[in-house]
Amino acid sequence: MLDATVRSLPKINGFTLARPRLLPLFGCLAVLLVVSLFFVWSRITVVNLEYDISSLGNRLREVEQDNQKLRLEAAHLRSPVRIERVARTELGLRMPTLDQVIIID
């Protein structure tokens, strides 16, 4: 049979020395590590989202400029003077004579 003897801890100046309890210390360090990692991850995510928002803002401005250019081009293409010029020069059309005009009441 194994005989285990318990030794008493030494005393220094009336204080009893005890074994350090490291589990609470490691627990606190683990919680601190998890909180720190979460903070760093959240900051990296925020910075990445800010970059995404900035690039999307630039893209939005480019698309708005393209839209404005297309609106101007559409207005130019709808111009009655231009349409008449294209009809006369490219399509060979001419103004109708009075006998070709039919008035409907």
PDB file of N, CA and C in Angstrom:
ATOM      1  N   MET A   1       0.828  -1.162   0.000  1.00  0.00           N
ATOM      2  CA  MET A   1       0.000   0.000   0.000  1.00  0.00           C
ATOM      3  C   MET A   1       0.878   1.233   0.000  1.00  0.00           C
ATOM      4  N   LEU A   2       0.356   2.232  -0.716  1.00  0.00           N
ATOM      5  CA  LEU A   2       1.103   3.464  -0.873  1.00  0.00           C
ATOM      6  C   LEU A   2       0.808   4.383   0.306  1.00  0.00           C
ATOM      7  N   ASP A   3       1.858   4.793   0.925  1.00  0.00           N
ATOM      8  CA  ASP A   3       1.667   5.662   2.091  1.00  0.00           C
ATOM      9  C   ASP A   3       2.034   7.080   1.683  1.00  0.00           C
ATOM     10  N   ALA A   4       1.028   7.912   1.612  1.00  0.00           N
ATOM     11  CA  ALA A   4       1.261   9.299   1.227  1.00  0.00           C
ATOM     12  C   ALA A   4       1.284  10.138   2.487  1.00  0.00           C
ATOM     13  N   THR A   5       2.314  10.891   2.590  1.00  0.00           N
ATOM     14  CA  THR A   5       2.399  11.776   3.738  1.00  0.00           C
ATOM     15  C   THR A   5       2.221  13.206   3.257  1.00  0.00           C
ATOM     16  N   VAL A   6       1.524  13.972   4.006  1.00  0.00           N
ATOM     17  CA  VAL A   6       1.264  15.354   3.659  1.00  0.00           C
ATOM     18  C   VAL A   6       2.230  16.200   4.467  1.00  0.00           C
ATOM     19  N   ARG A   7       2.989  16.946   3.708  1.00  0.00           N
ATOM     20  CA  ARG A   7       3.913  17.836   4.408  1.00  0.00           C
ATOM     21  C   ARG A   7       3.234  19.171   4.626  1.00  0.00           C
ATOM     22  N   SER A   8       3.525  19.781   5.710  1.00  0.00           N
ATOM     23  CA  SER A   8       2.972  21.104   5.951  1.00  0.00           C
ATOM     24  C   SER A   8       3.826  22.118   5.196  1.00  0.00           C
ATOM     25  N   LEU A   9       3.174  23.189   4.792  1.00  0.00           N
ATOM     26  CA  LEU A   9       3.875  24.217   4.034  1.00  0.00           C
ATOM     27  C   LEU A   9       4.712  25.049   5.001  1.00  0.00           C
ATOM     28  N   PRO A  10       5.846  25.520   4.533  1.00  0.00           N
ATOM     29  CA  PRO A  10       6.717  26.299   5.423  1.00  0.00           C
ATOM     30  C   PRO A  10       6.109  27.655   5.755  1.00  0.00           C
ATOM     31  N   LYS A  11       6.494  28.172   6.896  1.00  0.00           N
ATOM     32  CA  LYS A  11       6.032  29.481   7.340  1.00  0.00           C
ATOM     33  C   LYS A  11       7.224  30.430   7.369  1.00  0.00           C
ATOM     34  N   ILE A  12       6.958  31.629   6.876  1.00  0.00           N
ATOM     35  CA  ILE A  12       8.000  32.663   6.898  1.00  0.00           C
ATOM     36  C   ILE A  12       7.386  33.882   7.561  1.00  0.00           C
ATOM     37  N   ASN A  13       8.006  34.323   8.656  1.00  0.00           N
ATOM     38  CA  ASN A  13       7.533  35.474   9.432  1.00  0.00           C
ATOM     39  C   ASN A  13       6.054  35.355   9.781  1.00  0.00           C
ATOM     40  N   GLY A  14       5.574  34.222  10.039  1.00  0.00           N
ATOM     41  CA  GLY A  14       4.205  33.994  10.456  1.00  0.00           C
ATOM     42  C   GLY A  14       3.230  33.790   9.306  1.00  0.00           C
ATOM     43  N   PHE A  15       3.696  33.944   8.060  1.00  0.00           N
ATOM     44  CA  PHE A  15       2.826  33.726   6.907  1.00  0.00           C
ATOM     45  C   PHE A  15       3.074  32.343   6.347  1.00  0.00           C
ATOM     46  N   THR A  16       2.004  31.653   6.061  1.00  0.00           N
ATOM     47  CA  THR A  16       2.130  30.328   5.472  1.00  0.00           C
ATOM     48  C   THR A  16       2.208  30.473   3.957  1.00  0.00           C
ATOM     49  N   LEU A  17       3.216  29.864   3.377  1.00  0.00           N
ATOM     50  CA  LEU A  17       3.339  29.893   1.918  1.00  0.00           C
ATOM     51  C   LEU A  17       2.373  28.878   1.325  1.00  0.00           C
ATOM     52  N   ALA A  18       1.713  29.283   0.270  1.00  0.00           N
ATOM     53  CA  ALA A  18       0.775  28.367  -0.391  1.00  0.00           C
ATOM     54  C   ALA A  18       1.158  28.273  -1.863  1.00  0.00           C
ATOM     55  N   ARG A  19       0.721  27.209  -2.464  1.00  0.00           N
ATOM     56  CA  ARG A  19       0.978  27.055  -3.892  1.00  0.00           C
ATOM     57  C   ARG A  19       0.183  28.118  -4.651  1.00  0.00           C
ATOM     58  N   PRO A  20       0.794  28.714  -5.644  1.00  0.00           N
ATOM     59  CA  PRO A  20       0.053  29.724  -6.407  1.00  0.00           C
ATOM     60  C   PRO A  20      -1.077  29.074  -7.204  1.00  0.00           C
ATOM     61  N   ARG A  21      -2.200  29.726  -7.223  1.00  0.00           N
ATOM     62  CA  ARG A  21      -3.335  29.232  -8.003  1.00  0.00           C
ATOM     63  C   ARG A  21      -3.284  29.920  -9.365  1.00  0.00           C
ATOM     64  N   LEU A  22      -2.859  29.158 -10.367  1.00  0.00           N
ATOM     65  CA  LEU A  22      -2.649  29.729 -11.694  1.00  0.00           C
ATOM     66  C   LEU A  22      -3.889  29.667 -12.585  1.00  0.00           C
ATOM     67  N   LEU A  23      -4.841  28.828 -12.232  1.00  0.00           N
ATOM     68  CA  LEU A  23      -6.020  28.674 -13.076  1.00  0.00           C
ATOM     69  C   LEU A  23      -6.801  29.988 -13.221  1.00  0.00           C
ATOM     70  N   PRO A  24      -7.078  30.732 -12.167  1.00  0.00           N
ATOM     71  CA  PRO A  24      -7.778  32.014 -12.356  1.00  0.00           C
ATOM     72  C   PRO A  24      -6.951  33.004 -13.197  1.00  0.00           C
ATOM     73  N   LEU A  25      -5.633  32.991 -13.003  1.00  0.00           N
ATOM     74  CA  LEU A  25      -4.763  33.874 -13.781  1.00  0.00           C
ATOM     75  C   LEU A  25      -4.829  33.520 -15.264  1.00  0.00           C
ATOM     76  N   PHE A  26      -4.720  32.237 -15.589  1.00  0.00           N
ATOM     77  CA  PHE A  26      -4.804  31.807 -16.984  1.00  0.00           C
ATOM     78  C   PHE A  26      -6.193  32.067 -17.556  1.00  0.00           C
ATOM     79  N   GLY A  27      -7.215  31.925 -16.737  1.00  0.00           N
ATOM     80  CA  GLY A  27      -8.579  32.222 -17.188  1.00  0.00           C
ATOM     81  C   GLY A  27      -8.725  33.690 -17.553  1.00  0.00           C
ATOM     82  N   CYS A  28      -8.203  34.566 -16.701  1.00  0.00           N
ATOM     83  CA  CYS A  28      -8.264  36.001 -16.993  1.00  0.00           C
ATOM     84  C   CYS A  28      -7.463  36.341 -18.242  1.00  0.00           C
ATOM     85  N   LEU A  29      -6.299  35.726 -18.377  1.00  0.00           N
ATOM     86  CA  LEU A  29      -5.489  35.967 -19.574  1.00  0.00           C
ATOM     87  C   LEU A  29      -6.202  35.479 -20.832  1.00  0.00           C
ATOM     88  N   ALA A  30      -6.881  34.345 -20.749  1.00  0.00           N
ATOM     89  CA  ALA A  30      -7.611  33.815 -21.906  1.00  0.00           C
ATOM     90  C   ALA A  30      -8.756  34.747 -22.286  1.00  0.00           C
ATOM     91  N   VAL A  31      -9.487  35.242 -21.286  1.00  0.00           N
ATOM     92  CA  VAL A  31     -10.585  36.186 -21.575  1.00  0.00           C
ATOM     93  C   VAL A  31     -10.018  37.459 -22.189  1.00  0.00           C
ATOM     94  N   LEU A  32      -8.930  37.963 -21.648  1.00  0.00           N
ATOM     95  CA  LEU A  32      -8.299  39.163 -22.189  1.00  0.00           C
ATOM     96  C   LEU A  32      -7.839  38.934 -23.628  1.00  0.00           C
ATOM     97  N   LEU A  33      -7.289  37.776 -23.918  1.00  0.00           N
ATOM     98  CA  LEU A  33      -6.848  37.442 -25.266  1.00  0.00           C
ATOM     99  C   LEU A  33      -8.028  37.393 -26.234  1.00  0.00           C
ATOM    100  N   VAL A  34      -9.116  36.764 -25.819  1.00  0.00           N
ATOM    101  CA  VAL A  34     -10.303  36.667 -26.682  1.00  0.00           C
ATOM    102  C   VAL A  34     -10.882  38.051 -26.955  1.00  0.00           C
ATOM    103  N   VAL A  35     -10.982  38.875 -25.938  1.00  0.00           N
ATOM    104  CA  VAL A  35     -11.517  40.231 -26.117  1.00  0.00           C
ATOM    105  C   VAL A  35     -10.604  41.047 -27.026  1.00  0.00           C
ATOM    106  N   SER A  36      -9.298  40.912 -26.854  1.00  0.00           N
ATOM    107  CA  SER A  36      -8.348  41.645 -27.699  1.00  0.00           C
ATOM    108  C   SER A  36      -8.447  41.195 -29.149  1.00  0.00           C
ATOM    109  N   LEU A  37      -8.532  39.898 -29.375  1.00  0.00           N
ATOM    110  CA  LEU A  37      -8.663  39.393 -30.746  1.00  0.00           C
ATOM    111  C   LEU A  37      -9.967  39.854 -31.382  1.00  0.00           C
ATOM    112  N   PHE A  38     -11.047  39.875 -30.616  1.00  0.00           N
ATOM    113  CA  PHE A  38     -12.322  40.363 -31.146  1.00  0.00           C
ATOM    114  C   PHE A  38     -12.218  41.831 -31.518  1.00  0.00           C
ATOM    115  N   PHE A  39     -11.561  42.617 -30.687  1.00  0.00           N
ATOM    116  CA  PHE A  39     -11.400  44.053 -30.973  1.00  0.00           C
ATOM    117  C   PHE A  39     -10.596  44.264 -32.252  1.00  0.00           C
ATOM    118  N   VAL A  40      -9.494  43.547 -32.397  1.00  0.00           N
ATOM    119  CA  VAL A  40      -8.660  43.681 -33.595  1.00  0.00           C
ATOM    120  C   VAL A  40      -9.447  43.248 -34.831  1.00  0.00           C
ATOM    121  N   TRP A  41     -10.162  42.126 -34.735  1.00  0.00           N
ATOM    122  CA  TRP A  41     -10.968  41.643 -35.868  1.00  0.00           C
ATOM    123  C   TRP A  41     -12.031  42.666 -36.256  1.00  0.00           C
ATOM    124  N   SER A  42     -12.687  43.253 -35.269  1.00  0.00           N
ATOM    125  CA  SER A  42     -13.733  44.231 -35.575  1.00  0.00           C
ATOM    126  C   SER A  42     -13.138  45.478 -36.220  1.00  0.00           C
ATOM    127  N   ARG A  43     -11.988  45.931 -35.787  1.00  0.00           N
ATOM    128  CA  ARG A  43     -11.351  47.111 -36.394  1.00  0.00           C
ATOM    129  C   ARG A  43     -10.936  46.814 -37.830  1.00  0.00           C
ATOM    130  N   ILE A  44     -10.392  45.638 -38.092  1.00  0.00           N
ATOM    131  CA  ILE A  44     -10.011  45.265 -39.458  1.00  0.00           C
ATOM    132  C   ILE A  44     -11.246  45.216 -40.346  1.00  0.00           C
ATOM    133  N   THR A  45     -12.336  44.681 -39.823  1.00  0.00           N
ATOM    134  CA  THR A  45     -13.579  44.623 -40.583  1.00  0.00           C
ATOM    135  C   THR A  45     -14.090  46.025 -40.888  1.00  0.00           C
ATOM    136  N   VAL A  46     -14.023  46.918 -39.939  1.00  0.00           N
ATOM    137  CA  VAL A  46     -14.474  48.301 -40.146  1.00  0.00           C
ATOM    138  C   VAL A  46     -13.622  48.981 -41.221  1.00  0.00           C
ATOM    139  N   VAL A  47     -12.317  48.806 -41.162  1.00  0.00           N
ATOM    140  CA  VAL A  47     -11.432  49.426 -42.155  1.00  0.00           C
ATOM    141  C   VAL A  47     -11.729  48.871 -43.544  1.00  0.00           C
ATOM    142  N   ASN A  48     -11.915  47.565 -43.654  1.00  0.00           N
ATOM    143  CA  ASN A  48     -12.237  46.964 -44.957  1.00  0.00           C
ATOM    144  C   ASN A  48     -13.571  47.489 -45.483  1.00  0.00           C
ATOM    145  N   LEU A  49     -14.554  47.645 -44.613  1.00  0.00           N
ATOM    146  CA  LEU A  49     -15.841  48.181 -45.043  1.00  0.00           C
ATOM    147  C   LEU A  49     -15.714  49.639 -45.482  1.00  0.00           C
ATOM    148  N   GLU A  50     -14.853  50.401 -44.819  1.00  0.00           N
ATOM    149  CA  GLU A  50     -14.637  51.784 -45.232  1.00  0.00           C
ATOM    150  C   GLU A  50     -14.016  51.843 -46.623  1.00  0.00           C
ATOM    151  N   TYR A  51     -13.064  50.938 -46.899  1.00  0.00           N
ATOM    152  CA  TYR A  51     -12.485  50.879 -48.246  1.00  0.00           C
ATOM    153  C   TYR A  51     -13.552  50.509 -49.274  1.00  0.00           C
ATOM    154  N   ASP A  52     -14.401  49.553 -48.948  1.00  0.00           N
ATOM    155  CA  ASP A  52     -15.472  49.149 -49.862  1.00  0.00           C
ATOM    156  C   ASP A  52     -16.428  50.305 -50.127  1.00  0.00           C
ATOM    157  N   ILE A  53     -16.798  51.028 -49.082  1.00  0.00           N
ATOM    158  CA  ILE A  53     -17.707  52.169 -49.238  1.00  0.00           C
ATOM    159  C   ILE A  53     -17.059  53.242 -50.109  1.00  0.00           C
ATOM    160  N   SER A  54     -15.779  53.490 -49.904  1.00  0.00           N
ATOM    161  CA  SER A  54     -15.069  54.496 -50.700  1.00  0.00           C
ATOM    162  C   SER A  54     -15.028  54.099 -52.170  1.00  0.00           C
ATOM    163  N   SER A  55     -14.710  52.848 -52.457  1.00  0.00           N
ATOM    164  CA  SER A  55     -14.643  52.412 -53.856  1.00  0.00           C
ATOM    165  C   SER A  55     -16.028  52.421 -54.497  1.00  0.00           C
ATOM    166  N   LEU A  56     -17.058  52.062 -53.738  1.00  0.00           N
ATOM    167  CA  LEU A  56     -18.418  52.112 -54.277  1.00  0.00           C
ATOM    168  C   LEU A  56     -18.856  53.560 -54.521  1.00  0.00           C
ATOM    169  N   GLY A  57     -18.431  54.481 -53.671  1.00  0.00           N
ATOM    170  CA  GLY A  57     -18.731  55.894 -53.889  1.00  0.00           C
ATOM    171  C   GLY A  57     -18.084  56.404 -55.169  1.00  0.00           C
ATOM    172  N   ASN A  58     -16.826  55.998 -55.406  1.00  0.00           N
ATOM    173  CA  ASN A  58     -16.156  56.385 -56.650  1.00  0.00           C
ATOM    174  C   ASN A  58     -16.873  55.804 -57.861  1.00  0.00           C
ATOM    175  N   ARG A  59     -17.273  54.559 -57.759  1.00  0.00           N
ATOM    176  CA  ARG A  59     -17.987  53.909 -58.869  1.00  0.00           C
ATOM    177  C   ARG A  59     -19.332  54.598 -59.112  1.00  0.00           C
ATOM    178  N   LEU A  60     -20.007  54.997 -58.053  1.00  0.00           N
ATOM    179  CA  LEU A  60     -21.290  55.693 -58.187  1.00  0.00           C
ATOM    180  C   LEU A  60     -21.109  57.017 -58.928  1.00  0.00           C
ATOM    181  N   ARG A  61     -20.055  57.770 -58.586  1.00  0.00           N
ATOM    182  CA  ARG A  61     -19.795  59.032 -59.283  1.00  0.00           C
ATOM    183  C   ARG A  61     -19.506  58.794 -60.767  1.00  0.00           C
ATOM    184  N   GLU A  62     -18.760  57.736 -61.089  1.00  0.00           N
ATOM    185  CA  GLU A  62     -18.480  57.413 -62.488  1.00  0.00           C
ATOM    186  C   GLU A  62     -19.768  57.075 -63.239  1.00  0.00           C
ATOM    187  N   VAL A  63     -20.627  56.282 -62.607  1.00  0.00           N
ATOM    188  CA  VAL A  63     -21.885  55.897 -63.254  1.00  0.00           C
ATOM    189  C   VAL A  63     -22.788  57.116 -63.441  1.00  0.00           C
ATOM    190  N   GLU A  64     -22.812  58.024 -62.472  1.00  0.00           N
ATOM    191  CA  GLU A  64     -23.611  59.240 -62.615  1.00  0.00           C
ATOM    192  C   GLU A  64     -23.095  60.112 -63.754  1.00  0.00           C
ATOM    193  N   GLN A  65     -21.770  60.193 -63.920  1.00  0.00           N
ATOM    194  CA  GLN A  65     -21.204  60.953 -65.032  1.00  0.00           C
ATOM    195  C   GLN A  65     -21.583  60.304 -66.367  1.00  0.00           C
ATOM    196  N   ASP A  66     -21.497  58.977 -66.447  1.00  0.00           N
ATOM    197  CA  ASP A  66     -21.895  58.271 -67.664  1.00  0.00           C
ATOM    198  C   ASP A  66     -23.370  58.509 -67.964  1.00  0.00           C
ATOM    199  N   ASN A  67     -24.197  58.486 -66.945  1.00  0.00           N
ATOM    200  CA  ASN A  67     -25.623  58.718 -67.108  1.00  0.00           C
ATOM    201  C   ASN A  67     -25.880  60.121 -67.655  1.00  0.00           C
ATOM    202  N   GLN A  68     -25.168  61.105 -67.128  1.00  0.00           N
ATOM    203  CA  GLN A  68     -25.332  62.483 -67.605  1.00  0.00           C
ATOM    204  C   GLN A  68     -24.908  62.603 -69.068  1.00  0.00           C
ATOM    205  N   LYS A  69     -23.795  61.968 -69.437  1.00  0.00           N
ATOM    206  CA  LYS A  69     -23.340  62.000 -70.831  1.00  0.00           C
ATOM    207  C   LYS A  69     -24.384  61.356 -71.753  1.00  0.00           C
ATOM    208  N   LEU A  70     -24.950  60.225 -71.325  1.00  0.00           N
ATOM    209  CA  LEU A  70     -25.953  59.546 -72.145  1.00  0.00           C
ATOM    210  C   LEU A  70     -27.224  60.385 -72.278  1.00  0.00           C
ATOM    211  N   ARG A  71     -27.612  61.078 -71.226  1.00  0.00           N
ATOM    212  CA  ARG A  71     -28.787  61.959 -71.308  1.00  0.00           C
ATOM    213  C   ARG A  71     -28.553  63.091 -72.310  1.00  0.00           C
ATOM    214  N   LEU A  72     -27.347  63.665 -72.274  1.00  0.00           N
ATOM    215  CA  LEU A  72     -27.025  64.726 -73.231  1.00  0.00           C
ATOM    216  C   LEU A  72     -27.031  64.189 -74.657  1.00  0.00           C
ATOM    217  N   GLU A  73     -26.469  63.014 -74.851  1.00  0.00           N
ATOM    218  CA  GLU A  73     -26.458  62.413 -76.187  1.00  0.00           C
ATOM    219  C   GLU A  73     -27.872  62.108 -76.666  1.00  0.00           C
ATOM    220  N   ALA A  74     -28.724  61.601 -75.776  1.00  0.00           N
ATOM    221  CA  ALA A  74     -30.113  61.317 -76.147  1.00  0.00           C
ATOM    222  C   ALA A  74     -30.845  62.598 -76.505  1.00  0.00           C
ATOM    223  N   ALA A  75     -30.613  63.667 -75.786  1.00  0.00           N
ATOM    224  CA  ALA A  75     -31.251  64.946 -76.104  1.00  0.00           C
ATOM    225  C   ALA A  75     -30.779  65.448 -77.458  1.00  0.00           C
ATOM    226  N   HIS A  76     -29.506  65.278 -77.761  1.00  0.00           N
ATOM    227  CA  HIS A  76     -28.974  65.690 -79.062  1.00  0.00           C
ATOM    228  C   HIS A  76     -29.592  64.863 -80.187  1.00  0.00           C
ATOM    229  N   LEU A  77     -29.722  63.554 -79.960  1.00  0.00           N
ATOM    230  CA  LEU A  77     -30.275  62.686 -81.002  1.00  0.00           C
ATOM    231  C   LEU A  77     -31.764  62.952 -81.244  1.00  0.00           C
ATOM    232  N   ARG A  78     -32.489  63.442 -80.242  1.00  0.00           N
ATOM    233  CA  ARG A  78     -33.916  63.725 -80.390  1.00  0.00           C
ATOM    234  C   ARG A  78     -34.189  65.109 -80.981  1.00  0.00           C
ATOM    235  N   SER A  79     -33.167  65.870 -81.230  1.00  0.00           N
ATOM    236  CA  SER A  79     -33.339  67.226 -81.742  1.00  0.00           C
ATOM    237  C   SER A  79     -34.065  67.191 -83.091  1.00  0.00           C
ATOM    238  N   PRO A  80     -35.168  67.956 -83.253  1.00  0.00           N
ATOM    239  CA  PRO A  80     -35.911  67.964 -84.518  1.00  0.00           C
ATOM    240  C   PRO A  80     -35.065  68.435 -85.704  1.00  0.00           C
ATOM    241  N   VAL A  81     -34.162  69.375 -85.493  1.00  0.00           N
ATOM    242  CA  VAL A  81     -33.298  69.861 -86.578  1.00  0.00           C
ATOM    243  C   VAL A  81     -32.404  68.732 -87.068  1.00  0.00           C
ATOM    244  N   ARG A  82     -31.841  67.975 -86.163  1.00  0.00           N
ATOM    245  CA  ARG A  82     -30.975  66.863 -86.536  1.00  0.00           C
ATOM    246  C   ARG A  82     -31.765  65.780 -87.261  1.00  0.00           C
ATOM    247  N   ILE A  83     -32.963  65.463 -86.746  1.00  0.00           N
ATOM    248  CA  ILE A  83     -33.784  64.428 -87.372  1.00  0.00           C
ATOM    249  C   ILE A  83     -34.132  64.835 -88.809  1.00  0.00           C
ATOM    250  N   GLU A  84     -34.487  66.094 -89.013  1.00  0.00           N
ATOM    251  CA  GLU A  84     -34.813  66.552 -90.370  1.00  0.00           C
ATOM    252  C   GLU A  84     -33.587  66.476 -91.278  1.00  0.00           C
ATOM    253  N   ARG A  85     -32.430  66.873 -90.788  1.00  0.00           N
ATOM    254  CA  ARG A  85     -31.202  66.817 -91.590  1.00  0.00           C
ATOM    255  C   ARG A  85     -30.877  65.388 -91.995  1.00  0.00           C
ATOM    256  N   VAL A  86     -30.978  64.416 -91.042  1.00  0.00           N
ATOM    257  CA  VAL A  86     -30.705  63.011 -91.350  1.00  0.00           C
ATOM    258  C   VAL A  86     -31.725  62.490 -92.365  1.00  0.00           C
ATOM    259  N   ALA A  87     -32.988  62.881 -92.208  1.00  0.00           N
ATOM    260  CA  ALA A  87     -34.029  62.419 -93.133  1.00  0.00           C
ATOM    261  C   ALA A  87     -33.758  62.926 -94.546  1.00  0.00           C
ATOM    262  N   ARG A  88     -33.329  64.166 -94.687  1.00  0.00           N
ATOM    263  CA  ARG A  88     -33.084  64.732 -96.024  1.00  0.00           C
ATOM    264  C   ARG A  88     -31.796  64.194 -96.638  1.00  0.00           C
ATOM    265  N   THR A  89     -30.713  64.158 -95.851  1.00  0.00           N
ATOM    266  CA  THR A  89     -29.404  63.818 -96.436  1.00  0.00           C
ATOM    267  C   THR A  89     -29.171  62.319 -96.529  1.00  0.00           C
ATOM    268  N   GLU A  90     -29.401  61.585 -95.461  1.00  0.00           N
ATOM    269  CA  GLU A  90     -29.058  60.167 -95.442  1.00  0.00           C
ATOM    270  C   GLU A  90     -30.177  59.276 -95.989  1.00  0.00           C
ATOM    271  N   LEU A  91     -31.440  59.658 -95.728  1.00  0.00           N
ATOM    272  CA  LEU A  91     -32.559  58.813 -96.147  1.00  0.00           C
ATOM    273  C   LEU A  91     -33.213  59.288 -97.448  1.00  0.00           C
ATOM    274  N   GLY A  92     -32.849  60.461 -97.889  1.00  0.00           N
ATOM    275  CA  GLY A  92     -33.384  60.973 -99.144  1.00  0.00           C
ATOM    276  C   GLY A  92     -34.856  61.358 -99.080  1.00  0.00           C
ATOM    277  N   LEU A  93     -35.367  61.678 -97.925  1.00  0.00           N
ATOM    278  CA  LEU A  93     -36.768  62.078 -97.790  1.00  0.00           C
ATOM    279  C   LEU A  93     -36.920  63.547 -98.132  1.00  0.00           C
ATOM    280  N   ARG A  94     -38.143  63.976 -98.463  1.00  0.00           N
ATOM    281  CA  ARG A  94     -38.435  65.369 -98.767  1.00  0.00           C
ATOM    282  C   ARG A  94     -39.777  65.719 -98.154  1.00  0.00           C
ATOM    283  N   MET A  95     -40.065  66.993 -98.115  1.00  0.00           N
ATOM    284  CA  MET A  95     -41.337  67.469 -97.563  1.00  0.00           C
ATOM    285  C   MET A  95     -42.474  67.003 -98.480  1.00  0.00           C
ATOM    286  N   PRO A  96     -43.652  66.637 -97.938  1.00  0.00           N
ATOM    287  CA  PRO A  96     -44.759  66.181 -98.787  1.00  0.00           C
ATOM    288  C   PRO A  96     -45.399  67.355 -99.535  1.00  0.00           C
ATOM    289  N   THR A  97     -45.926  67.030-100.675  1.00  0.00           N
ATOM    290  CA  THR A  97     -46.670  68.047-101.429  1.00  0.00           C
ATOM    291  C   THR A  97     -48.068  68.154-100.836  1.00  0.00           C
ATOM    292  N   LEU A  98     -48.826  69.190-101.272  1.00  0.00           N
ATOM    293  CA  LEU A  98     -50.147  69.408-100.705  1.00  0.00           C
ATOM    294  C   LEU A  98     -51.112  68.274-101.032  1.00  0.00           C
ATOM    295  N   ASP A  99     -50.979  67.638-102.203  1.00  0.00           N
ATOM    296  CA  ASP A  99     -51.872  66.535-102.524  1.00  0.00           C
ATOM    297  C   ASP A  99     -51.544  65.256-101.767  1.00  0.00           C
ATOM    298  N   GLN A 100     -50.364  65.178-101.142  1.00  0.00           N
ATOM    299  CA  GLN A 100     -49.988  64.011-100.346  1.00  0.00           C
ATOM    300  C   GLN A 100     -50.464  64.139 -98.888  1.00  0.00           C
ATOM    301  N   VAL A 101     -50.841  65.296 -98.468  1.00  0.00           N
ATOM    302  CA  VAL A 101     -51.263  65.535 -97.096  1.00  0.00           C
ATOM    303  C   VAL A 101     -52.740  65.242 -96.971  1.00  0.00           C
ATOM    304  N   ILE A 102     -53.122  64.396 -96.024  1.00  0.00           N
ATOM    305  CA  ILE A 102     -54.520  64.053 -95.760  1.00  0.00           C
ATOM    306  C   ILE A 102     -54.841  64.554 -94.356  1.00  0.00           C
ATOM    307  N   ILE A 103     -55.869  65.374 -94.257  1.00  0.00           N
ATOM    308  CA  ILE A 103     -56.265  65.924 -92.957  1.00  0.00           C
ATOM    309  C   ILE A 103     -57.425  65.081 -92.437  1.00  0.00           C
ATOM    310  N   ILE A 104     -57.327  64.597 -91.234  1.00  0.00           N
ATOM    311  CA  ILE A 104     -58.340  63.760 -90.615  1.00  0.00           C
ATOM    312  C   ILE A 104     -59.006  64.579 -89.510  1.00  0.00           C
ATOM    313  N   ASP A 105     -60.322  64.627 -89.547  1.00  0.00           N
ATOM    314  CA  ASP A 105     -61.058  65.393 -88.530  1.00  0.00           C
ATOM    315  C   ASP A 105     -61.402  64.547 -87.364  1.00  0.00           C
TER     316      ASP A 105
END
